[in-house]
Amino acid sequence: MTDILALAGNNLLSPMILCFVLGLLAALARSDLSVPEAAAKALSIYLLFAIGFKGGAAVGDHGIGFSLVSALAAGVLLSVALPFVAFGLLRVLTQFSVADAAAVAAHYGSISIVTFVTATSVLEGRGIPSEGYMVAVAAAMEAPAIISALWIVAKAGEGADVDSDLWREILLNGSIVLLVGSFVIGLLTGAEGLARIESFIVSPFQGVLCLFLLDMGLVAGRGLRTSGRVLGAGAILFGVLMPPIGAAAGLLMGAGLGLSAGGLALLMTLAASASYIAVPAAMRVALPEANPSIYLTLSLGVTFPFNLTVGIPLYVALASAVAGG
């Protein structure tokens, strides 16, 4: 418990988290501070490329084997299963319609790449190594949850067309294409390729992450200020209960795979996070009747801050206790 509190304290006082808090408080105070949309998009492109390339280079050094395949299978299974858990919990805690509950559930089966990147940064700061292929697991967990959510809605008889436009939205979503593409480039070029652009994707990484989290804080604060009223106490409770539930599932799965402490912490973080990029885009196509104010405010305004401030320190400490490190 002492280790968890110490790690939480260190994480809360890290530049990345404090930048997020600055943005959150600025938005809640109605400051005119803003990050231009083009700059925010450039920051996200940089982060996705950097984390994908470094992960691919790490896999290129160590090779593709059973451990990678089994981790990918575990990630897909978590992404498929967690929306059903989330949907059931939402039906108990809230009065959301089937469409709204299913849309939210899809977000909690998919992943937040920024939460993953932040956890990676925390591990690096503590000198805890992790499996490079975890970025491939992150990419694999983006889409399956969407299919689970659509199955839930179809089973309830409310309709949800899985047409070619939706498949295109899922499979060719920009974040997935960039993450997978940069991973493949890193895989093909390996350590030599990483060394050639190290000054671009390694040294500036945490500074860029600070600016990106500042923007995320602004977005989360605006969402809470303008849309928080659509969420009741049950929905907010869900937003802080579902991450530990997902993390527990990730812990069991990762421990069974024999992941290192770092890899286990990252799988827990992926299972605990909630999408706010790929899934909202897909829900606009597949479930236009679902209320974006609900699923965006929950994932970005409640769960994202919870994971950054409380969740990641808890997941790292538990992973270290289970796997050692």
Protein backbone atom coordinates (compact mmCIF):
# COMPACT_ATOMS: atom_id res chain seq x y z
CA MET A 1 0.00 0.00 0.00
CA THR A 2 2.86 2.35 0.84
CA ASP A 3 4.45 1.67 -2.56
CA ILE A 4 1.16 2.44 -4.33
CA LEU A 5 0.77 5.74 -2.47
CA ALA A 6 4.39 6.70 -3.14
CA LEU A 7 4.04 5.94 -6.85
CA ALA A 8 0.74 7.82 -6.98
CA GLY A 9 2.40 10.83 -5.37
CA ASN A 10 5.31 10.72 -7.82
CA ASN A 11 2.92 10.36 -10.74
CA LEU A 12 0.76 13.27 -9.60
CA LEU A 13 3.84 15.48 -9.39
CA SER A 14 5.19 14.47 -12.80
CA PRO A 15 5.25 17.17 -15.51
CA MET A 16 2.86 15.18 -17.71
CA ILE A 17 0.11 14.87 -15.09
CA LEU A 18 0.53 18.45 -13.90
CA CYS A 19 0.12 19.64 -17.50
CA PHE A 20 -3.13 17.69 -17.71
CA VAL A 21 -4.32 19.23 -14.42
CA LEU A 22 -3.40 22.70 -15.70
CA GLY A 23 -5.55 22.20 -18.79
CA LEU A 24 -8.42 20.74 -16.75
CA LEU A 25 -8.44 23.64 -14.27
CA ALA A 26 -8.09 26.22 -17.03
CA ALA A 27 -11.14 24.83 -18.83
CA LEU A 28 -13.21 24.60 -15.67
CA ALA A 29 -12.29 28.22 -14.88
CA ARG A 30 -13.38 29.21 -18.41
CA SER A 31 -9.93 30.44 -19.40
CA ASP A 32 -9.36 31.24 -23.07
CA LEU A 33 -6.27 29.00 -23.08
CA SER A 34 -6.42 26.66 -26.06
CA VAL A 35 -4.22 24.50 -28.26
CA PRO A 36 -4.86 25.07 -31.98
CA GLU A 37 -6.58 22.09 -33.56
CA ALA A 38 -3.84 21.63 -36.15
CA ALA A 39 -1.17 21.64 -33.43
CA ALA A 40 -3.12 19.14 -31.32
CA LYS A 41 -3.43 16.83 -34.31
CA ALA A 42 0.30 17.14 -35.03
CA LEU A 43 1.09 16.23 -31.41
CA SER A 44 -1.13 13.13 -31.58
CA ILE A 45 0.48 12.07 -34.89
CA TYR A 46 3.93 12.40 -33.34
CA LEU A 47 3.00 10.34 -30.26
CA LEU A 48 1.38 7.57 -32.29
CA PHE A 49 4.34 7.39 -34.67
CA ALA A 50 6.93 7.43 -31.90
CA ILE A 51 5.32 4.75 -29.74
CA GLY A 52 4.58 2.54 -32.75
CA PHE A 53 8.09 2.85 -34.20
CA LYS A 54 9.82 2.16 -30.87
CA GLY A 55 7.61 -0.87 -30.27
CA GLY A 56 8.29 -2.24 -33.74
CA ALA A 57 12.03 -1.73 -33.34
CA ALA A 58 11.95 -3.60 -30.03
CA VAL A 59 10.11 -6.53 -31.62
CA GLY A 60 12.54 -6.46 -34.53
CA ASP A 61 15.42 -6.89 -32.11
CA HIS A 62 13.85 -9.77 -30.21
CA GLY A 63 11.96 -11.49 -33.00
CA ILE A 64 8.34 -12.62 -33.44
CA GLY A 65 7.40 -15.67 -31.44
CA PHE A 66 4.73 -17.42 -29.42
CA SER A 67 4.78 -14.75 -26.70
CA LEU A 68 3.74 -12.05 -29.19
CA VAL A 69 0.98 -14.17 -30.72
CA SER A 70 -0.40 -15.19 -27.32
CA ALA A 71 -0.36 -11.58 -26.09
CA LEU A 72 -2.23 -10.45 -29.22
CA ALA A 73 -4.84 -13.19 -28.65
CA ALA A 74 -5.22 -12.15 -25.02
CA GLY A 75 -5.68 -8.50 -26.00
CA VAL A 76 -8.34 -9.33 -28.58
CA LEU A 77 -10.17 -11.54 -26.09
CA LEU A 78 -10.19 -8.74 -23.51
CA SER A 79 -11.47 -6.27 -26.08
CA VAL A 80 -14.28 -8.63 -27.09
CA ALA A 81 -15.33 -9.55 -23.54
CA LEU A 82 -15.06 -6.28 -21.58
CA PRO A 83 -17.95 -4.51 -23.39
CA PHE A 84 -20.33 -7.20 -22.09
CA VAL A 85 -19.14 -6.57 -18.53
CA ALA A 86 -19.43 -2.82 -19.01
CA PHE A 87 -22.91 -3.09 -20.54
CA GLY A 88 -24.16 -5.22 -17.65
CA LEU A 89 -22.74 -2.79 -15.09
CA LEU A 90 -24.29 0.19 -16.87
CA ARG A 91 -27.72 -1.45 -16.92
CA VAL A 92 -27.48 -1.85 -13.14
CA LEU A 93 -26.06 1.59 -12.30
CA THR A 94 -27.80 3.82 -14.87
CA GLN A 95 -30.99 4.26 -16.83
CA PHE A 96 -29.22 4.60 -20.17
CA SER A 97 -30.98 3.28 -23.25
CA VAL A 98 -29.59 0.14 -24.86
CA ALA A 99 -27.92 2.23 -27.58
CA ASP A 100 -26.28 4.60 -25.10
CA ALA A 101 -25.15 1.79 -22.81
CA ALA A 102 -23.75 -0.23 -25.74
CA ALA A 103 -21.93 2.81 -27.14
CA VAL A 104 -20.33 3.47 -23.75
CA ALA A 105 -19.46 -0.23 -23.38
CA ALA A 106 -17.62 -0.16 -26.72
CA HIS A 107 -15.38 2.63 -25.41
CA TYR A 108 -14.46 0.55 -22.36
CA GLY A 109 -13.55 -2.52 -24.37
CA SER A 110 -11.32 -0.51 -26.68
CA ILE A 111 -8.26 1.41 -25.51
CA SER A 112 -6.87 4.89 -24.94
CA ILE A 113 -3.51 5.12 -26.66
CA VAL A 114 -2.60 8.25 -24.66
CA THR A 115 -3.19 6.41 -21.39
CA PHE A 116 -0.97 3.64 -22.75
CA VAL A 117 1.72 6.15 -23.74
CA THR A 118 1.57 7.75 -20.29
CA ALA A 119 1.95 4.37 -18.60
CA THR A 120 4.93 3.64 -20.87
CA SER A 121 6.49 6.91 -19.79
CA VAL A 122 5.92 6.10 -16.10
CA LEU A 123 7.58 2.70 -16.53
CA GLU A 124 10.57 4.25 -18.30
CA GLY A 125 10.90 6.79 -15.50
CA ARG A 126 11.04 4.00 -12.94
CA GLY A 127 13.43 1.90 -15.00
CA ILE A 128 10.92 -0.94 -15.45
CA PRO A 129 11.34 -2.64 -18.85
CA SER A 130 8.38 -3.97 -20.83
CA GLU A 131 7.79 -6.13 -23.88
CA GLY A 132 8.10 -4.01 -27.04
CA TYR A 133 5.25 -5.86 -28.70
CA MET A 134 2.70 -4.40 -26.27
CA VAL A 135 2.13 -1.59 -28.76
CA ALA A 136 0.95 -4.24 -31.23
CA VAL A 137 -1.44 -5.50 -28.56
CA ALA A 138 -2.74 -1.94 -28.17
CA ALA A 139 -3.45 -1.72 -31.88
CA ALA A 140 -5.20 -5.11 -31.87
CA MET A 141 -7.50 -4.01 -29.02
CA GLU A 142 -8.87 -0.93 -30.81
CA ALA A 143 -11.59 -2.52 -32.96
CA PRO A 144 -13.03 -5.79 -31.51
CA ALA A 145 -15.00 -3.96 -28.80
CA ILE A 146 -16.94 -2.10 -31.48
CA ILE A 147 -18.21 -5.38 -32.92
CA SER A 148 -19.22 -6.58 -29.44
CA ALA A 149 -21.22 -3.40 -28.86
CA LEU A 150 -23.01 -3.74 -32.19
CA TRP A 151 -23.84 -7.37 -31.38
CA ILE A 152 -25.37 -6.23 -28.07
CA VAL A 153 -27.59 -3.70 -29.83
CA ALA A 154 -28.60 -6.17 -32.54
CA LYS A 155 -29.43 -8.79 -29.89
CA ALA A 156 -31.67 -6.23 -28.18
CA GLY A 157 -33.56 -5.80 -31.46
CA GLU A 158 -32.66 -2.14 -31.91
CA GLY A 159 -30.70 -2.60 -35.13
CA ALA A 160 -27.12 -1.67 -35.97
CA ASP A 161 -25.90 -1.99 -39.52
CA VAL A 162 -22.38 -3.34 -39.95
CA ASP A 163 -21.90 -2.07 -43.49
CA SER A 164 -18.85 -1.29 -45.61
CA ASP A 165 -18.68 2.30 -44.34
CA LEU A 166 -18.44 1.08 -40.75
CA TRP A 167 -15.75 -1.48 -41.58
CA ARG A 168 -13.80 1.25 -43.33
CA GLU A 169 -14.18 3.52 -40.29
CA ILE A 170 -12.94 0.76 -38.00
CA LEU A 171 -10.07 -0.68 -40.01
CA LEU A 172 -8.81 2.50 -41.67
CA ASN A 173 -9.18 4.81 -38.68
CA GLY A 174 -6.20 7.14 -38.80
CA SER A 175 -4.89 6.26 -35.35
CA ILE A 176 -4.90 2.53 -36.13
CA VAL A 177 -3.27 3.01 -39.55
CA LEU A 178 -0.50 5.21 -38.12
CA LEU A 179 0.13 3.01 -35.08
CA VAL A 180 0.27 -0.22 -37.07
CA GLY A 181 2.18 1.38 -39.94
CA SER A 182 4.88 2.89 -37.72
CA PHE A 183 5.14 -0.41 -35.85
CA VAL A 184 5.82 -2.22 -39.14
CA ILE A 185 8.42 0.39 -40.15
CA GLY A 186 10.15 -0.02 -36.79
CA LEU A 187 9.96 -3.79 -37.14
CA LEU A 188 11.57 -3.72 -40.60
CA THR A 189 14.33 -1.23 -39.74
CA GLY A 190 15.06 -2.45 -36.19
CA ALA A 191 17.67 -0.91 -33.91
CA GLU A 192 19.55 0.66 -36.83
CA GLY A 193 16.45 2.55 -37.93
CA LEU A 194 15.72 3.65 -34.37
CA ALA A 195 19.28 4.94 -33.95
CA ARG A 196 18.94 7.07 -37.09
CA ILE A 197 15.87 8.98 -35.79
CA GLU A 198 16.44 8.62 -32.04
CA SER A 199 16.92 12.35 -31.58
CA PHE A 200 13.45 12.88 -33.04
CA ILE A 201 11.32 10.19 -31.38
CA VAL A 202 13.11 9.54 -28.07
CA SER A 203 14.48 12.76 -26.55
CA PRO A 204 11.50 15.06 -27.31
CA PHE A 205 8.89 12.43 -26.45
CA GLN A 206 8.03 13.45 -22.89
CA GLY A 207 7.94 17.16 -23.74
CA VAL A 208 5.49 16.52 -26.57
CA LEU A 209 3.43 14.33 -24.24
CA CYS A 210 3.21 17.26 -21.78
CA LEU A 211 1.73 19.53 -24.43
CA PHE A 212 -0.66 16.83 -25.62
CA LEU A 213 -1.91 16.17 -22.07
CA LEU A 214 -2.38 19.92 -21.58
CA ASP A 215 -4.76 19.83 -24.55
CA MET A 216 -6.45 16.68 -23.20
CA GLY A 217 -7.01 18.47 -19.90
CA LEU A 218 -8.66 21.35 -21.74
CA VAL A 219 -10.90 18.95 -23.67
CA ALA A 220 -11.84 16.98 -20.54
CA GLY A 221 -12.58 20.15 -18.58
CA ARG A 222 -14.83 21.53 -21.29
CA GLY A 223 -16.66 18.22 -21.48
CA LEU A 224 -17.27 18.15 -17.74
CA ARG A 225 -18.37 21.78 -17.74
CA THR A 226 -20.79 21.56 -20.64
CA SER A 227 -21.98 17.95 -20.62
CA GLY A 228 -21.48 16.77 -17.05
CA ARG A 229 -25.15 17.32 -16.34
CA VAL A 230 -26.13 14.40 -18.60
CA LEU A 231 -24.34 12.00 -16.24
CA GLY A 232 -25.90 10.86 -12.99
CA ALA A 233 -24.12 9.52 -9.93
CA GLY A 234 -24.43 5.96 -11.27
CA ALA A 235 -22.69 6.85 -14.53
CA ILE A 236 -19.83 8.59 -12.73
CA LEU A 237 -19.52 5.61 -10.38
CA PHE A 238 -19.27 3.38 -13.45
CA GLY A 239 -16.52 5.60 -14.83
CA VAL A 240 -14.32 4.90 -11.81
CA LEU A 241 -15.37 1.28 -11.18
CA MET A 242 -14.89 -0.08 -14.69
CA PRO A 243 -11.16 0.72 -14.96
CA PRO A 244 -10.17 -1.45 -11.95
CA ILE A 245 -12.47 -4.22 -13.22
CA GLY A 246 -10.78 -4.13 -16.62
CA ALA A 247 -7.35 -3.93 -14.99
CA ALA A 248 -8.13 -7.01 -12.87
CA ALA A 249 -9.03 -8.93 -16.02
CA GLY A 250 -5.80 -7.76 -17.63
CA LEU A 251 -3.84 -8.80 -14.54
CA LEU A 252 -5.24 -12.33 -14.63
CA MET A 253 -4.68 -12.65 -18.37
CA GLY A 254 -1.17 -11.18 -18.29
CA ALA A 255 -0.06 -13.23 -15.30
CA GLY A 256 -1.18 -16.37 -17.13
CA LEU A 257 0.97 -15.35 -20.10
CA GLY A 258 3.99 -14.79 -17.87
CA LEU A 259 4.45 -11.14 -18.86
CA SER A 260 7.14 -9.08 -17.16
CA ALA A 261 6.12 -6.48 -14.58
CA GLY A 262 6.22 -3.78 -17.24
CA GLY A 263 4.25 -5.79 -19.79
CA LEU A 264 1.71 -6.76 -17.16
CA ALA A 265 1.24 -3.12 -16.11
CA LEU A 266 0.71 -2.11 -19.74
CA LEU A 267 -1.85 -4.85 -20.37
CA MET A 268 -3.69 -3.79 -17.21
CA THR A 269 -3.60 -0.18 -18.40
CA LEU A 270 -4.97 -1.14 -21.82
CA ALA A 271 -7.79 -3.16 -20.28
CA ALA A 272 -8.59 -0.33 -17.86
CA SER A 273 -8.61 2.50 -20.39
CA ALA A 274 -11.44 3.85 -22.51
CA SER A 275 -11.24 5.00 -26.11
CA TYR A 276 -12.01 8.55 -27.14
CA ILE A 277 -10.63 8.53 -30.70
CA ALA A 278 -11.39 5.37 -32.70
CA VAL A 279 -14.65 4.30 -31.03
CA PRO A 280 -16.43 7.69 -31.10
CA ALA A 281 -15.74 7.87 -34.84
CA ALA A 282 -17.23 4.40 -35.32
CA MET A 283 -20.23 5.11 -33.09
CA ARG A 284 -21.14 8.15 -35.16
CA VAL A 285 -21.57 5.80 -38.11
CA ALA A 286 -22.98 2.70 -36.42
CA LEU A 287 -25.08 4.14 -33.57
CA PRO A 288 -26.01 7.72 -34.50
CA GLU A 289 -28.87 7.56 -31.98
CA ALA A 290 -26.41 7.21 -29.08
CA ASN A 291 -25.63 10.45 -27.24
CA PRO A 292 -21.98 11.53 -27.76
CA SER A 293 -22.15 13.72 -24.65
CA ILE A 294 -22.53 10.58 -22.56
CA TYR A 295 -19.79 8.39 -23.96
CA LEU A 296 -17.25 11.16 -24.55
CA THR A 297 -17.71 12.76 -21.14
CA LEU A 298 -17.44 9.40 -19.39
CA SER A 299 -14.35 8.21 -21.24
CA LEU A 300 -12.49 11.50 -21.44
CA GLY A 301 -13.87 13.46 -18.48
CA VAL A 302 -14.09 10.71 -15.84
CA THR A 303 -12.07 7.60 -16.70
CA PHE A 304 -9.12 9.30 -18.38
CA PRO A 305 -8.30 11.53 -15.35
CA PHE A 306 -8.90 8.60 -12.99
CA ASN A 307 -6.41 6.41 -14.84
CA LEU A 308 -3.78 9.14 -15.08
CA THR A 309 -3.91 10.11 -11.41
CA VAL A 310 -4.91 6.93 -9.56
CA GLY A 311 -5.09 4.01 -11.98
CA ILE A 312 -1.61 3.87 -13.52
CA PRO A 313 0.24 4.00 -10.16
CA LEU A 314 -2.05 1.24 -8.88
CA TYR A 315 -1.56 -0.94 -11.96
CA VAL A 316 2.23 -0.53 -11.91
CA ALA A 317 2.44 -1.36 -8.21
CA LEU A 318 0.20 -4.42 -8.52
CA ALA A 319 2.05 -5.66 -11.61
CA SER A 320 5.37 -5.27 -9.81
CA ALA A 321 4.03 -7.18 -6.81
CA VAL A 322 2.73 -10.03 -8.99
CA ALA A 323 5.52 -10.30 -11.57
CA GLY A 324 8.38 -8.76 -9.62
CA GLY A 325 10.29 -5.68 -10.69
